[in-house]
Amino acid sequence: MAVSYTFDSELWRYREEGGWHFVTLPESVATEIREESPPLRRGFGSLKVVASISGHQWSTSIFPDSKTNSYLLPVKKSVRTAAGVIEGDVVEVVLEVLDLD
């Protein structure tokens, strides 16, 4: 069963080599996802999602982040370019989590 969430969050860049860009899910959304997710999950505790920013949709996974006690959503370059967003922008995210019970 898929569950959808809509939230605003800042786009940020991981400072190591490769420079991946992410959005951190709000604590309330992360808590709800944790409560609804199955106890045994695939690698790194990831969950499959379909995400959208400014109408640009892509399939990916969210990953738990122990530093923020939340999940991280990777935002690939093609989506950032198409949506016209850069590091530091606050973006509206529509997130459909596919792996929830």
Protein backbone atom coordinates (compact mmCIF):
# COMPACT_ATOMS: atom_id res chain seq x y z
CA MET A 1 0.00 0.00 0.00
CA ALA A 2 1.28 3.48 -0.86
CA VAL A 3 0.94 6.47 1.48
CA SER A 4 1.45 10.08 0.31
CA TYR A 5 2.91 13.08 2.12
CA THR A 6 3.40 16.71 1.07
CA PHE A 7 5.94 18.89 2.86
CA ASP A 8 8.43 21.74 2.44
CA SER A 9 12.12 21.21 3.10
CA GLU A 10 15.47 22.74 2.19
CA LEU A 11 17.55 21.19 -0.59
CA TRP A 12 21.10 20.60 0.66
CA ARG A 13 24.32 19.13 -0.73
CA TYR A 14 26.44 16.44 0.89
CA ARG A 15 29.93 17.95 1.06
CA GLU A 16 31.93 14.84 0.19
CA GLU A 17 33.08 13.75 -3.26
CA GLY A 18 30.17 13.25 -5.61
CA GLY A 19 28.11 16.08 -4.12
CA TRP A 20 24.77 14.30 -3.80
CA HIS A 21 21.81 16.58 -3.08
CA PHE A 22 19.16 15.68 -0.52
CA VAL A 23 16.01 16.80 1.22
CA THR A 24 15.55 15.82 4.87
CA LEU A 25 12.01 14.73 5.69
CA PRO A 26 10.29 16.64 8.50
CA GLU A 27 10.39 14.84 11.85
CA SER A 28 6.61 14.32 11.91
CA VAL A 29 6.65 12.64 8.48
CA ALA A 30 9.66 10.48 9.39
CA THR A 31 8.00 9.36 12.62
CA GLU A 32 4.82 8.34 10.81
CA ILE A 33 6.80 6.45 8.15
CA ARG A 34 8.81 4.61 10.82
CA GLU A 35 5.63 3.64 12.65
CA GLU A 36 4.02 2.33 9.45
CA SER A 37 7.02 0.62 7.86
CA PRO A 38 7.63 -3.12 8.05
CA PRO A 39 10.25 -4.26 10.60
CA LEU A 40 12.44 -5.98 8.00
CA ARG A 41 13.48 -3.72 5.15
CA ARG A 42 15.93 -3.84 2.27
CA GLY A 43 19.51 -2.59 2.37
CA PHE A 44 20.32 0.28 4.74
CA GLY A 45 16.67 0.39 5.86
CA SER A 46 15.65 2.11 2.64
CA LEU A 47 12.06 2.43 1.44
CA LYS A 48 10.93 2.76 -2.18
CA VAL A 49 9.21 6.02 -3.04
CA VAL A 50 7.96 8.12 -5.92
CA ALA A 51 8.82 11.78 -5.35
CA SER A 52 7.86 15.00 -7.09
CA ILE A 53 9.27 18.54 -6.94
CA SER A 54 7.63 21.29 -9.04
CA GLY A 55 5.76 18.64 -11.03
CA HIS A 56 8.92 16.68 -11.87
CA GLN A 57 8.51 13.10 -10.70
CA TRP A 58 11.07 10.31 -10.20
CA SER A 59 11.37 6.92 -8.52
CA THR A 60 13.99 6.46 -5.82
CA SER A 61 14.36 5.37 -2.20
CA ILE A 62 14.54 7.25 1.09
CA PHE A 63 17.26 6.31 3.56
CA PRO A 64 17.27 6.57 7.37
CA ASP A 65 19.62 9.19 8.77
CA SER A 66 20.80 8.69 12.36
CA LYS A 67 22.11 12.29 12.62
CA THR A 68 18.65 13.81 12.15
CA ASN A 69 16.54 10.83 13.23
CA SER A 70 14.74 11.24 9.92
CA TYR A 71 14.98 10.05 6.32
CA LEU A 72 16.94 11.51 3.43
CA LEU A 73 15.49 11.86 -0.06
CA PRO A 74 18.15 12.02 -2.79
CA VAL A 75 17.30 14.56 -5.51
CA LYS A 76 19.02 13.75 -8.78
CA LYS A 77 20.52 16.39 -11.04
CA SER A 78 17.99 15.98 -13.85
CA VAL A 79 15.15 16.75 -11.42
CA ARG A 80 16.97 19.74 -9.89
CA THR A 81 17.66 21.13 -13.35
CA ALA A 82 14.12 20.56 -14.65
CA ALA A 83 12.59 22.07 -11.49
CA GLY A 84 15.03 25.00 -11.50
CA VAL A 85 16.10 24.44 -7.89
CA ILE A 86 19.51 24.77 -6.30
CA GLU A 87 21.13 24.07 -2.94
CA GLY A 88 19.50 26.17 -0.23
CA ASP A 89 16.11 26.43 -1.92
CA VAL A 90 13.08 25.38 0.09
CA VAL A 91 11.09 23.01 -2.11
CA GLU A 92 7.64 21.48 -1.86
CA VAL A 93 7.93 17.70 -2.04
CA VAL A 94 5.14 15.26 -2.79
CA LEU A 95 6.31 11.85 -1.58
CA GLU A 96 4.52 8.55 -2.14
CA VAL A 97 6.00 5.80 0.05
CA LEU A 98 5.46 2.45 -1.64
CA ASP A 99 6.73 0.04 1.04
CA LEU A 100 4.30 0.73 3.88
CA ASP A 101 1.96 -1.95 5.24
